[in-house]
N, C-alpha and C. Protein backbone atom coordinates (compact mmCIF):
# COMPACT_ATOMS: atom_id res chain seq x y z
N UNK A 1 207.79 -51.68 142.10
CA UNK A 1 206.45 -52.40 142.15
C UNK A 1 206.52 -53.82 142.29
N UNK A 2 207.43 -54.48 141.75
CA UNK A 2 207.96 -55.72 141.86
C UNK A 2 207.90 -56.19 143.79
N UNK A 3 208.49 -55.29 144.23
CA UNK A 3 208.87 -55.45 145.36
C UNK A 3 207.56 -55.19 146.43
N UNK A 4 206.73 -54.47 145.98
CA UNK A 4 205.45 -54.32 146.47
C UNK A 4 204.42 -55.23 146.44
N UNK A 5 204.41 -55.85 145.08
CA UNK A 5 203.65 -57.09 144.89
C UNK A 5 204.19 -58.60 145.44
N UNK A 6 205.73 -58.48 145.64
CA UNK A 6 206.09 -59.55 146.20
C UNK A 6 205.77 -59.72 147.88
N UNK A 7 205.68 -58.52 148.38
CA UNK A 7 205.20 -58.50 149.62
C UNK A 7 203.75 -59.25 149.97
N UNK A 8 202.95 -59.03 148.79
CA UNK A 8 201.54 -59.47 148.71
C UNK A 8 201.48 -61.12 147.87
N UNK A 9 202.47 -61.32 147.42
CA UNK A 9 202.08 -62.71 146.85
C UNK A 9 201.76 -63.68 147.73
N UNK A 10 200.93 -64.62 146.85
CA UNK A 10 200.18 -65.75 147.73
C UNK A 10 199.09 -65.15 148.43
N UNK A 11 198.43 -63.92 148.56
CA UNK A 11 197.48 -63.51 149.18
C UNK A 11 196.62 -63.01 148.23
N UNK A 12 195.14 -62.90 148.87
CA UNK A 12 193.98 -62.43 147.98
C UNK A 12 194.09 -60.97 147.50
N UNK A 13 195.03 -60.31 148.33
CA UNK A 13 195.18 -58.69 147.87
C UNK A 13 195.81 -58.55 146.35
N UNK A 14 196.49 -59.46 146.00
CA UNK A 14 197.19 -59.29 144.72
C UNK A 14 195.89 -59.15 143.72
N UNK A 15 195.00 -60.06 143.91
CA UNK A 15 193.80 -60.16 143.09
C UNK A 15 192.94 -59.22 143.05
N UNK A 16 192.88 -58.65 144.26
CA UNK A 16 191.66 -57.48 144.66
C UNK A 16 192.34 -56.28 143.77
N UNK A 17 193.83 -55.91 143.87
CA UNK A 17 194.37 -54.94 143.42
C UNK A 17 194.28 -54.75 141.83
N UNK A 18 194.60 -55.82 141.39
CA UNK A 18 194.71 -56.37 139.76
C UNK A 18 193.43 -56.22 139.28
N UNK A 19 192.33 -56.66 140.21
CA UNK A 19 191.01 -56.70 139.40
C UNK A 19 190.28 -55.24 139.54
N UNK A 20 190.57 -54.41 140.71
CA UNK A 20 189.90 -53.15 140.84
C UNK A 20 190.87 -52.44 139.62
N UNK A 21 192.13 -52.48 139.30
CA UNK A 21 192.84 -51.50 138.43
C UNK A 21 192.17 -52.15 136.90
N UNK A 22 191.62 -53.18 136.66
CA UNK A 22 191.33 -53.42 135.53
C UNK A 22 190.01 -53.00 135.40
N UNK A 23 189.07 -53.25 136.29
CA UNK A 23 187.61 -52.53 135.98
C UNK A 23 187.66 -51.09 135.87
N UNK A 24 188.43 -50.54 136.67
CA UNK A 24 188.50 -49.01 136.28
C UNK A 24 189.21 -48.48 135.15
N UNK A 25 190.33 -49.51 134.55
CA UNK A 25 190.64 -48.87 133.56
C UNK A 25 190.02 -48.48 132.28
N UNK A 26 188.81 -48.92 132.12
CA UNK A 26 187.75 -48.72 131.10
C UNK A 26 187.46 -47.03 131.09
N UNK A 27 187.42 -46.63 132.48
CA UNK A 27 186.93 -45.18 132.81
C UNK A 27 188.18 -44.43 132.87
N UNK A 28 189.40 -44.98 133.29
CA UNK A 28 190.58 -43.97 133.16
C UNK A 28 191.71 -44.84 132.72
N UNK A 29 191.89 -44.63 131.21
CA UNK A 29 192.84 -45.66 130.56
C UNK A 29 194.12 -45.31 130.93
N UNK A 30 194.46 -44.40 131.87
CA UNK A 30 195.93 -44.15 131.96
C UNK A 30 196.34 -45.17 133.30
N UNK A 31 195.23 -45.91 133.80
CA UNK A 31 195.77 -46.53 134.67
C UNK A 31 196.60 -47.77 134.14
N UNK A 32 197.84 -48.40 135.12
CA UNK A 32 198.55 -49.46 134.44
C UNK A 32 198.39 -50.50 134.57
N UNK A 33 196.94 -50.92 134.33
CA UNK A 33 196.37 -52.19 134.76
C UNK A 33 197.07 -53.42 134.02
N UNK A 34 197.60 -53.44 132.57
CA UNK A 34 198.46 -54.19 132.28
C UNK A 34 199.73 -54.45 132.66
N UNK A 35 200.15 -53.28 133.52
CA UNK A 35 201.54 -53.29 133.88
C UNK A 35 201.37 -54.01 135.30
N UNK A 36 200.46 -53.79 135.87
CA UNK A 36 200.20 -54.56 137.18
C UNK A 36 199.89 -55.95 136.84
N UNK A 37 199.23 -56.40 135.84
CA UNK A 37 198.94 -57.88 135.49
C UNK A 37 200.54 -58.48 135.08
N UNK A 38 201.51 -57.89 134.45
CA UNK A 38 202.46 -58.11 134.13
C UNK A 38 203.46 -58.69 135.17
N UNK A 39 203.37 -57.57 136.40
CA UNK A 39 204.27 -57.50 137.43
C UNK A 39 204.09 -58.63 138.28
N UNK A 40 202.77 -58.61 138.57
CA UNK A 40 202.08 -59.77 138.99
C UNK A 40 202.42 -61.25 138.69
N UNK A 41 202.28 -61.44 137.53
CA UNK A 41 202.77 -62.73 136.65
C UNK A 41 204.41 -62.92 136.83
N UNK A 42 205.02 -61.79 136.83
CA UNK A 42 206.41 -61.94 136.93
C UNK A 42 207.07 -62.31 138.20
N UNK A 43 206.24 -61.49 139.22
CA UNK A 43 206.68 -61.86 140.66
C UNK A 43 206.47 -63.51 140.95
N UNK A 44 205.16 -64.12 140.65
CA UNK A 44 204.99 -65.39 140.70
C UNK A 44 206.21 -66.41 139.95
N UNK A 45 206.32 -66.09 138.81
CA UNK A 45 207.56 -66.53 137.89
C UNK A 45 208.72 -66.62 138.65
N UNK A 46 208.93 -65.51 139.20
CA UNK A 46 210.48 -65.23 139.67
C UNK A 46 210.30 -66.18 140.74
N UNK A 47 209.38 -66.53 141.65
CA UNK A 47 209.60 -67.41 142.71
C UNK A 47 209.88 -68.57 142.34
N UNK A 48 209.23 -69.23 141.25
CA UNK A 48 209.61 -70.56 140.68
C UNK A 48 210.79 -70.73 140.16
N UNK A 49 211.75 -69.58 139.79
CA UNK A 49 212.92 -69.41 139.36
C UNK A 49 214.04 -69.70 140.28
N UNK A 50 213.48 -68.99 141.41
CA UNK A 50 214.53 -68.92 142.69
C UNK A 50 214.49 -70.39 143.15
N UNK A 51 213.15 -71.08 143.28
CA UNK A 51 213.17 -72.45 143.94
C UNK A 51 214.04 -73.36 142.80
N UNK A 52 214.00 -72.99 141.45
CA UNK A 52 214.72 -73.99 140.63
C UNK A 52 216.39 -73.73 140.72
N UNK A 53 216.35 -72.24 141.04
CA UNK A 53 218.18 -72.21 141.10
C UNK A 53 218.79 -72.93 142.21
N UNK A 54 218.02 -72.86 143.40
CA UNK A 54 218.54 -73.44 144.59
C UNK A 54 218.71 -75.18 144.43
N UNK A 55 218.12 -75.29 143.64
CA UNK A 55 218.17 -76.99 143.29
C UNK A 55 217.18 -77.70 144.13
N UNK A 56 216.09 -77.31 144.52
CA UNK A 56 215.11 -77.63 145.59
C UNK A 56 214.10 -78.76 144.66
N UNK A 57 214.60 -79.77 143.99
CA UNK A 57 213.79 -80.76 143.26
C UNK A 57 213.45 -81.99 144.22
N UNK A 58 212.38 -81.67 144.84
CA UNK A 58 211.92 -82.53 145.76
C UNK A 58 210.12 -82.37 145.76
N UNK A 59 209.50 -83.04 146.70
CA UNK A 59 208.28 -82.88 146.58
C UNK A 59 207.77 -81.69 146.85
N UNK A 60 208.51 -80.92 147.84
CA UNK A 60 207.99 -79.87 148.30
C UNK A 60 208.05 -78.71 147.44
N UNK A 61 209.19 -78.75 146.70
CA UNK A 61 209.44 -77.78 145.50
C UNK A 61 208.56 -78.12 144.26
N UNK A 62 207.95 -79.17 143.97
CA UNK A 62 207.05 -79.72 143.02
C UNK A 62 205.77 -79.08 143.31
N UNK A 63 205.36 -79.14 144.61
CA UNK A 63 204.17 -78.55 145.35
C UNK A 63 204.30 -76.94 145.16
N UNK A 64 205.50 -76.47 145.41
CA UNK A 64 205.82 -74.80 145.33
C UNK A 64 205.48 -74.62 144.05
N UNK A 65 205.97 -75.43 143.11
CA UNK A 65 205.62 -74.94 141.70
C UNK A 65 204.27 -75.06 141.36
N UNK A 66 203.44 -75.92 141.57
CA UNK A 66 202.21 -76.30 141.59
C UNK A 66 201.50 -75.15 141.88
N UNK A 67 201.97 -74.61 143.20
CA UNK A 67 201.04 -73.34 143.86
C UNK A 67 201.16 -72.35 142.88
N UNK A 68 202.53 -71.86 142.48
CA UNK A 68 202.34 -70.81 141.54
C UNK A 68 201.89 -70.90 140.15
N UNK A 69 201.84 -71.95 139.65
CA UNK A 69 201.11 -72.09 138.25
C UNK A 69 199.42 -71.96 138.63
N UNK A 70 199.11 -72.39 139.90
CA UNK A 70 197.72 -72.19 140.24
C UNK A 70 197.38 -70.64 140.56
N UNK A 71 198.29 -69.78 140.90
CA UNK A 71 198.46 -68.47 140.94
C UNK A 71 198.49 -67.82 139.77
N UNK A 72 199.24 -68.18 138.84
CA UNK A 72 199.09 -67.61 137.29
C UNK A 72 197.58 -67.86 136.77
N UNK A 73 197.26 -69.12 136.92
CA UNK A 73 195.74 -69.44 136.11
C UNK A 73 195.11 -68.39 136.91
N UNK A 74 194.84 -68.36 138.25
CA UNK A 74 193.93 -67.63 138.75
C UNK A 74 194.09 -66.00 138.65
N UNK A 75 195.58 -65.43 138.29
CA UNK A 75 195.69 -64.09 137.84
C UNK A 75 194.80 -63.99 136.71
N UNK A 76 195.16 -64.85 135.62
CA UNK A 76 194.83 -64.57 134.37
C UNK A 76 193.05 -64.57 134.24
N UNK A 77 192.37 -65.59 135.13
CA UNK A 77 190.91 -65.28 135.10
C UNK A 77 190.55 -64.22 135.92
N UNK A 78 191.28 -63.88 137.16
CA UNK A 78 190.92 -62.59 137.55
C UNK A 78 190.83 -61.48 136.58
N UNK A 79 192.00 -61.35 135.84
CA UNK A 79 191.92 -60.11 135.15
C UNK A 79 191.03 -60.02 133.90
N UNK A 80 190.92 -61.43 133.42
CA UNK A 80 189.85 -61.68 132.09
C UNK A 80 188.31 -61.14 132.74
N UNK A 81 188.01 -61.54 133.97
CA UNK A 81 186.83 -61.45 134.61
C UNK A 81 186.60 -60.00 134.67
N UNK A 82 187.75 -59.39 135.48
CA UNK A 82 187.56 -57.87 135.72
C UNK A 82 187.55 -57.07 134.30
N UNK A 83 188.21 -57.41 133.31
CA UNK A 83 187.96 -56.80 132.16
C UNK A 83 186.54 -56.95 131.52
N UNK A 84 185.70 -57.98 131.61
CA UNK A 84 184.29 -58.10 131.14
C UNK A 84 183.43 -57.23 132.08
N UNK A 85 183.77 -57.42 133.48
CA UNK A 85 182.87 -56.63 134.10
C UNK A 85 183.10 -55.13 133.96
N UNK A 86 184.33 -54.66 133.80
CA UNK A 86 184.59 -53.07 133.38
C UNK A 86 183.72 -52.67 132.14
N UNK A 87 184.00 -53.68 131.41
CA UNK A 87 183.25 -53.30 129.85
C UNK A 87 181.62 -53.28 130.10
N UNK A 88 181.23 -54.11 130.77
CA UNK A 88 179.87 -54.23 130.98
C UNK A 88 179.15 -53.04 132.10
N UNK A 89 180.04 -52.75 132.92
CA UNK A 89 179.48 -51.53 133.66
C UNK A 89 179.50 -50.29 132.74
N UNK A 90 180.67 -50.09 132.06
CA UNK A 90 180.60 -49.03 131.08
C UNK A 90 179.53 -49.13 130.12
N UNK A 91 179.27 -50.22 129.52
CA UNK A 91 178.27 -50.58 128.71
C UNK A 91 176.95 -49.93 129.02
N UNK A 92 176.49 -50.54 130.27
CA UNK A 92 175.33 -50.19 131.03
C UNK A 92 175.06 -48.65 131.02
N UNK A 93 176.03 -48.18 131.77
CA UNK A 93 176.19 -46.62 131.97
C UNK A 93 175.93 -45.87 130.73
N UNK A 94 176.65 -46.39 129.79
CA UNK A 94 176.34 -45.51 128.43
C UNK A 94 174.97 -45.75 127.98
N UNK A 95 174.56 -46.94 127.94
CA UNK A 95 173.27 -47.51 127.51
C UNK A 95 172.02 -46.65 128.16
N UNK A 96 172.08 -46.43 129.47
CA UNK A 96 171.03 -45.58 130.03
C UNK A 96 171.45 -44.28 130.11
N UNK A 97 172.53 -43.79 130.12
CA UNK A 97 172.81 -42.17 129.58
C UNK A 97 173.04 -41.71 128.19
N UNK A 98 172.77 -42.55 127.37
CA UNK A 98 172.84 -42.59 125.83
C UNK A 98 173.03 -41.10 125.39
N UNK A 99 172.23 -40.33 125.54
CA UNK A 99 172.30 -38.80 124.62
C UNK A 99 173.19 -38.07 125.39
N UNK A 100 173.50 -38.34 126.65
CA UNK A 100 174.73 -37.54 127.34
C UNK A 100 175.85 -38.01 126.60
N UNK A 101 176.28 -39.34 126.67
CA UNK A 101 177.34 -39.92 126.21
C UNK A 101 177.43 -39.74 124.69
N UNK A 102 176.38 -39.68 123.89
CA UNK A 102 176.39 -39.68 122.38
C UNK A 102 176.88 -38.25 122.23
N UNK A 103 176.47 -37.12 123.12
CA UNK A 103 176.98 -35.64 122.78
C UNK A 103 178.31 -35.78 122.90
N UNK A 104 178.77 -36.44 124.04
CA UNK A 104 180.36 -36.27 124.54
C UNK A 104 180.98 -36.83 123.20
N UNK A 105 180.69 -38.16 122.79
CA UNK A 105 181.33 -39.00 121.73
C UNK A 105 181.51 -38.12 120.56
N UNK A 106 180.19 -37.39 120.08
CA UNK A 106 180.09 -36.66 119.20
C UNK A 106 180.94 -35.39 118.67
N UNK A 107 181.37 -34.88 120.02
CA UNK A 107 182.38 -33.76 119.87
C UNK A 107 183.95 -34.14 119.40
N UNK A 108 184.07 -35.47 119.33
CA UNK A 108 185.20 -35.80 118.75
C UNK A 108 185.04 -36.62 117.41
N UNK A 109 185.60 -36.07 116.36
CA UNK A 109 185.68 -36.64 115.09
C UNK A 109 186.08 -38.18 115.16
N UNK A 110 187.28 -38.24 115.80
CA UNK A 110 187.82 -39.82 115.80
C UNK A 110 186.86 -40.68 116.81
N UNK A 111 186.59 -40.05 117.94
CA UNK A 111 185.64 -41.11 118.80
C UNK A 111 184.27 -41.52 117.93
N UNK A 112 183.77 -40.34 116.93
CA UNK A 112 182.40 -40.66 116.57
C UNK A 112 182.76 -41.75 115.46
N UNK A 113 183.87 -41.74 114.50
CA UNK A 113 184.07 -42.28 113.46
C UNK A 113 184.34 -43.97 114.30
N UNK A 114 185.10 -43.82 115.32
CA UNK A 114 185.55 -45.41 115.85
C UNK A 114 183.83 -45.91 116.26
N UNK A 115 183.02 -45.14 116.93
CA UNK A 115 181.56 -45.57 117.21
C UNK A 115 180.77 -45.95 116.12
N UNK A 116 180.95 -45.55 115.06
CA UNK A 116 180.34 -45.70 113.65
C UNK A 116 180.67 -47.02 113.30
N UNK A 117 182.24 -47.23 113.39
CA UNK A 117 182.85 -48.63 112.72
C UNK A 117 182.35 -49.73 113.58
N UNK A 118 182.18 -49.37 114.77
CA UNK A 118 181.90 -50.32 116.25
C UNK A 118 180.60 -50.85 115.51
N UNK A 119 179.62 -50.21 115.60
CA UNK A 119 178.22 -50.34 115.06
C UNK A 119 177.93 -51.06 114.07
N UNK A 120 178.63 -50.89 113.02
CA UNK A 120 178.77 -51.58 111.62
C UNK A 120 179.32 -52.90 111.84
N UNK A 121 180.45 -52.99 112.52
CA UNK A 121 181.22 -54.29 112.87
C UNK A 121 180.36 -55.37 113.57
N UNK A 122 179.42 -54.73 114.83
CA UNK A 122 178.90 -55.67 115.49
C UNK A 122 177.74 -56.04 114.56
N UNK A 123 177.02 -55.11 113.99
CA UNK A 123 175.80 -55.48 113.31
C UNK A 123 175.93 -56.49 112.21
N UNK A 124 177.30 -56.57 111.61
CA UNK A 124 177.77 -57.61 110.83
C UNK A 124 178.17 -58.99 111.24
N UNK A 125 178.53 -59.06 112.68
CA UNK A 125 179.10 -60.19 113.34
C UNK A 125 180.44 -59.87 113.24
N UNK A 126 181.04 -58.82 113.07
CA UNK A 126 182.68 -58.58 112.90
C UNK A 126 182.84 -58.16 114.05
N UNK A 127 182.67 -58.71 115.30
CA UNK A 127 183.10 -58.10 116.74
C UNK A 127 184.59 -58.44 116.89
N UNK A 128 185.43 -58.59 115.95
CA UNK A 128 186.73 -58.79 116.31
C UNK A 128 187.43 -57.60 116.58
N UNK A 129 186.62 -56.38 115.93
CA UNK A 129 187.18 -55.08 116.65
C UNK A 129 187.25 -55.01 117.89
N UNK A 130 186.16 -55.65 118.74
CA UNK A 130 186.12 -55.58 120.17
C UNK A 130 187.41 -56.14 120.60
N UNK A 131 187.83 -57.14 120.14
CA UNK A 131 189.03 -57.91 120.72
C UNK A 131 190.27 -56.83 120.39
N UNK A 132 190.41 -56.34 118.97
CA UNK A 132 191.53 -55.53 118.65
C UNK A 132 191.66 -54.48 119.75
N UNK A 133 190.64 -53.87 119.85
CA UNK A 133 190.42 -52.73 120.88
C UNK A 133 190.73 -52.80 122.11
N UNK A 134 190.61 -53.93 122.61
CA UNK A 134 191.14 -54.24 124.09
C UNK A 134 192.69 -54.20 124.01
N UNK A 135 193.38 -54.37 123.29
CA UNK A 135 194.78 -54.02 123.22
C UNK A 135 195.17 -52.71 122.75
N UNK A 136 194.39 -51.70 121.99
CA UNK A 136 194.82 -50.48 121.68
C UNK A 136 194.74 -49.62 122.83
N UNK A 137 195.33 -48.44 122.88
CA UNK A 137 195.30 -47.53 124.03
C UNK A 137 193.71 -46.74 123.97
N UNK A 138 193.27 -47.02 125.08
CA UNK A 138 191.74 -46.11 125.23
C UNK A 138 190.84 -46.88 124.31
N UNK A 139 191.06 -47.97 123.43
CA UNK A 139 190.34 -48.64 122.57
C UNK A 139 189.11 -49.32 123.33
N UNK A 140 189.37 -50.02 124.34
CA UNK A 140 188.14 -50.70 125.14
C UNK A 140 187.28 -49.59 125.64
N UNK A 141 187.59 -48.33 126.01
CA UNK A 141 186.71 -47.50 126.55
C UNK A 141 185.87 -46.87 125.49
N UNK A 142 186.50 -46.39 124.38
CA UNK A 142 185.46 -46.28 123.05
C UNK A 142 184.56 -47.42 122.67
N UNK A 143 185.16 -48.90 122.77
CA UNK A 143 184.44 -49.76 122.15
C UNK A 143 182.92 -49.76 123.35
N UNK A 144 183.51 -50.33 124.84
CA UNK A 144 182.56 -50.26 125.63
C UNK A 144 181.34 -49.15 125.57
N UNK A 145 181.93 -47.76 125.63
CA UNK A 145 180.95 -46.78 125.83
C UNK A 145 180.24 -46.70 124.42
N UNK A 146 180.96 -46.96 123.22
CA UNK A 146 180.13 -46.87 121.77
C UNK A 146 178.88 -48.07 121.88
N UNK A 147 179.04 -49.18 122.24
CA UNK A 147 178.35 -50.32 122.25
C UNK A 147 176.96 -49.99 122.90
N UNK A 148 177.18 -49.08 124.36
CA UNK A 148 176.23 -48.81 124.94
C UNK A 148 175.31 -47.53 124.30
N UNK A 149 175.77 -46.77 123.82
CA UNK A 149 175.52 -45.35 123.27
C UNK A 149 174.49 -46.05 121.87
N UNK A 150 175.23 -46.82 121.43
CA UNK A 150 174.34 -47.42 119.84
C UNK A 150 173.40 -48.33 120.43
N UNK A 151 173.21 -48.74 121.71
CA UNK A 151 172.29 -49.67 121.89
C UNK A 151 172.30 -51.05 121.33
N UNK A 152 173.70 -51.32 121.16
CA UNK A 152 173.73 -52.88 120.81
C UNK A 152 173.25 -53.69 122.06
N UNK A 153 172.94 -54.90 121.47
CA UNK A 153 172.29 -55.82 122.54
C UNK A 153 173.49 -56.47 123.38
N UNK A 154 173.12 -57.05 124.48
CA UNK A 154 174.22 -57.60 125.18
C UNK A 154 174.72 -58.99 124.35
N UNK A 155 173.70 -59.55 123.76
CA UNK A 155 173.88 -60.66 122.85
C UNK A 155 175.25 -60.51 121.84
N UNK A 156 175.04 -59.13 121.29
CA UNK A 156 176.10 -58.76 120.21
C UNK A 156 177.53 -58.38 121.00
N UNK A 157 177.26 -57.65 122.18
CA UNK A 157 178.52 -57.28 123.01
C UNK A 157 179.18 -58.12 123.72
N UNK A 158 178.39 -59.05 124.72
CA UNK A 158 179.03 -59.78 125.60
C UNK A 158 180.01 -60.87 125.29
N UNK A 159 179.57 -61.54 124.16
CA UNK A 159 180.60 -62.57 123.79
C UNK A 159 182.07 -62.04 123.28
N UNK A 160 181.86 -60.95 122.60
CA UNK A 160 183.31 -60.57 122.00
C UNK A 160 184.11 -59.68 123.20
N UNK A 161 183.23 -58.96 124.26
CA UNK A 161 183.81 -58.51 125.36
C UNK A 161 184.65 -59.74 126.21
N UNK A 162 184.05 -60.77 126.38
CA UNK A 162 184.71 -61.99 127.31
C UNK A 162 185.88 -62.64 126.12
N UNK A 163 185.68 -62.49 124.81
CA UNK A 163 186.95 -63.29 124.32
C UNK A 163 188.05 -62.12 124.12
N UNK A 164 187.82 -60.89 124.16
CA UNK A 164 188.72 -59.70 124.30
C UNK A 164 189.53 -59.77 125.40
N UNK A 165 188.63 -59.79 126.80
CA UNK A 165 189.23 -59.91 127.85
C UNK A 165 189.95 -61.25 128.02
N UNK A 166 189.76 -62.31 127.70
CA UNK A 166 190.46 -63.40 127.74
C UNK A 166 192.01 -63.48 127.03
N UNK A 167 191.67 -62.80 125.78
CA UNK A 167 192.91 -62.81 124.88
C UNK A 167 193.87 -61.85 125.39
N UNK A 168 193.38 -60.69 126.04
CA UNK A 168 194.33 -59.61 126.49
C UNK A 168 194.97 -60.25 128.03
N UNK A 169 194.26 -60.86 128.69
CA UNK A 169 194.63 -61.37 130.16
C UNK A 169 195.85 -62.31 129.61
N UNK A 170 195.19 -63.38 128.79
CA UNK A 170 196.10 -64.69 128.57
C UNK A 170 197.70 -63.81 127.96
N UNK A 171 197.71 -62.99 127.13
CA UNK A 171 198.88 -62.40 126.66
C UNK A 171 199.65 -61.79 127.57
N UNK A 172 198.99 -60.72 128.37
CA UNK A 172 199.58 -60.08 129.32
C UNK A 172 200.38 -60.84 130.64
N UNK A 173 199.53 -61.95 130.98
CA UNK A 173 199.99 -62.97 132.10
C UNK A 173 201.15 -63.61 131.57
N UNK A 174 201.10 -64.19 130.13
CA UNK A 174 202.09 -64.85 129.46
C UNK A 174 203.28 -64.12 129.26
N UNK A 175 203.06 -62.78 129.11
CA UNK A 175 204.38 -62.15 129.09
C UNK A 175 205.13 -61.83 130.42
N UNK A 176 204.32 -61.74 131.45
CA UNK A 176 205.10 -61.62 132.91
C UNK A 176 205.49 -62.99 133.22
N UNK A 177 204.79 -63.92 133.07
CA UNK A 177 205.30 -65.31 133.48
C UNK A 177 206.52 -65.64 132.86
N UNK A 178 206.46 -65.98 131.41
CA UNK A 178 207.63 -66.16 130.79
C UNK A 178 208.82 -65.26 130.95
N UNK A 179 208.62 -64.06 130.92
CA UNK A 179 209.53 -63.26 131.21
C UNK A 179 210.32 -63.32 132.22
N UNK A 180 209.33 -63.58 133.40
CA UNK A 180 209.91 -63.70 134.92
C UNK A 180 210.76 -64.97 135.09
N UNK A 181 210.15 -66.22 134.24
CA UNK A 181 210.72 -67.49 134.54
C UNK A 181 212.24 -67.57 133.72
N UNK A 182 212.29 -66.85 132.45
CA UNK A 182 213.40 -66.76 131.89
C UNK A 182 214.54 -65.76 132.21
N UNK A 183 214.05 -64.74 132.83
CA UNK A 183 214.89 -63.62 133.19
C UNK A 183 215.07 -63.18 134.47
N UNK A 184 213.97 -63.83 135.24
CA UNK A 184 214.15 -63.27 136.68
C UNK A 184 213.21 -61.99 136.95
N UNK A 185 213.16 -61.55 138.30
CA UNK A 185 212.28 -60.70 138.48
C UNK A 185 213.19 -59.12 138.44
N UNK A 186 214.39 -58.93 137.79
CA UNK A 186 214.98 -57.96 137.65
C UNK A 186 214.22 -56.90 136.70
N UNK A 187 214.64 -55.67 136.73
CA UNK A 187 213.88 -54.54 135.96
C UNK A 187 213.90 -55.01 134.35
N UNK A 188 214.68 -55.85 133.95
CA UNK A 188 214.75 -56.09 132.43
C UNK A 188 213.58 -56.83 132.06
N UNK A 189 213.22 -58.11 132.85
CA UNK A 189 211.99 -58.62 132.70
C UNK A 189 210.49 -58.25 132.30
N UNK A 190 210.40 -57.09 133.34
CA UNK A 190 209.03 -56.25 133.22
C UNK A 190 209.28 -55.23 132.26
N UNK A 191 210.35 -54.79 132.03
CA UNK A 191 210.47 -53.74 130.97
C UNK A 191 210.16 -54.34 129.58
N UNK A 192 210.88 -55.45 129.38
CA UNK A 192 210.77 -56.21 127.92
C UNK A 192 209.17 -56.49 127.83
N UNK A 193 208.60 -57.06 128.92
CA UNK A 193 207.23 -57.38 128.71
C UNK A 193 206.31 -56.44 128.61
N UNK A 194 206.32 -55.23 129.17
CA UNK A 194 205.60 -53.98 129.04
C UNK A 194 206.07 -53.52 127.43
N UNK A 195 207.18 -53.35 127.10
CA UNK A 195 207.37 -52.84 125.85
C UNK A 195 206.62 -54.00 124.75
N UNK A 196 206.64 -55.22 124.94
CA UNK A 196 205.77 -56.09 124.11
C UNK A 196 204.47 -55.97 124.19
N UNK A 197 203.78 -55.48 125.36
CA UNK A 197 202.37 -54.88 125.51
C UNK A 197 202.11 -53.92 124.81
N UNK A 198 202.93 -53.01 124.61
CA UNK A 198 202.78 -51.64 123.96
C UNK A 198 202.79 -51.87 122.63
N UNK A 199 203.59 -52.89 122.14
CA UNK A 199 204.01 -53.13 121.01
C UNK A 199 202.41 -53.62 120.30
N UNK A 200 202.07 -54.68 120.98
CA UNK A 200 200.84 -55.01 120.50
C UNK A 200 199.70 -54.04 120.30
N UNK A 201 199.65 -53.50 121.18
CA UNK A 201 198.67 -52.27 121.42
C UNK A 201 198.68 -51.23 120.07
N UNK A 202 199.69 -51.00 119.69
CA UNK A 202 200.43 -50.22 118.67
C UNK A 202 199.90 -50.66 117.41
N UNK A 203 199.96 -52.03 117.23
CA UNK A 203 199.62 -52.98 116.27
C UNK A 203 198.25 -52.84 115.92
N UNK A 204 197.57 -53.09 117.24
CA UNK A 204 196.01 -53.05 117.19
C UNK A 204 195.41 -51.68 116.70
N UNK A 205 195.97 -50.60 117.17
CA UNK A 205 195.46 -49.43 116.83
C UNK A 205 195.73 -49.27 115.32
N UNK A 206 196.56 -49.67 114.81
CA UNK A 206 196.97 -49.46 113.49
C UNK A 206 195.91 -50.27 112.75
N UNK A 207 195.57 -51.61 112.95
CA UNK A 207 194.53 -52.23 112.26
C UNK A 207 193.35 -51.69 112.51
N UNK A 208 192.76 -51.40 113.63
CA UNK A 208 191.62 -50.49 113.67
C UNK A 208 191.52 -49.21 112.84
N UNK A 209 192.42 -48.39 112.83
CA UNK A 209 192.35 -47.24 111.67
C UNK A 209 192.56 -47.48 110.27
N UNK A 210 192.98 -48.62 110.00
CA UNK A 210 193.20 -48.86 108.65
C UNK A 210 191.97 -49.03 107.53
N UNK A 211 190.98 -49.57 108.17
CA UNK A 211 189.71 -49.33 107.20
C UNK A 211 189.68 -47.89 106.89
N UNK A 212 189.56 -46.79 108.14
CA UNK A 212 188.90 -45.77 107.91
C UNK A 212 189.86 -45.17 106.79
N UNK A 213 191.10 -45.38 106.71
CA UNK A 213 192.09 -45.00 105.80
C UNK A 213 191.80 -45.12 104.45
N UNK A 214 191.27 -46.48 104.02
CA UNK A 214 190.97 -47.16 102.75
C UNK A 214 189.81 -46.41 102.52
N UNK A 215 188.77 -46.11 103.50
CA UNK A 215 187.63 -45.36 102.81
C UNK A 215 187.77 -44.18 102.71
N UNK A 216 188.81 -43.45 103.51
CA UNK A 216 188.92 -42.04 102.92
C UNK A 216 189.50 -41.93 101.60
N UNK A 217 190.24 -42.93 101.24
CA UNK A 217 191.03 -42.91 99.63
C UNK A 217 189.71 -43.39 98.53
């Protein structure tokens, strides 16, 4: 994957691939959008590491480093924007086809419970659950569809979706960038970064489920 992205480094295709993957991830949670973001950031950071290793500390090297820093910032912005776009598409579809999506969610006790907690959280202004769900496996799908089915307003949902997308994109890009800068573009760097991403997802899933456990007791 790093080799393929390396061939596209510095071209708009990197942002297109990442953006499309992040948008579709809300409908197909198994898509490796987080992995792609990390890999793209690792590739960009690895280029800076190579430049430093050969000792090209001159004006061109500084410009080279600045270019890759711009790529990193653009990558984070692209991932965050695509995340919000995907959320809003899912939200709109669920809002328009509410009954159908409501029946689909109702077939799963887990999804129904998550939908109920989401509605309560957003009503009370506790939309932090939207941010947590962005890191949890399939949490983004449940939150976006649930917000549409329960007819939450755009004003209630959009700011939290934007914050969630920005937090997730910043975290993912940072993992890839610092991993690639410190460890290079070998398999070790993306492997550790992906492990850190999944660790954050597991922690988020635990925090989301915890209120339900307390309620059950």
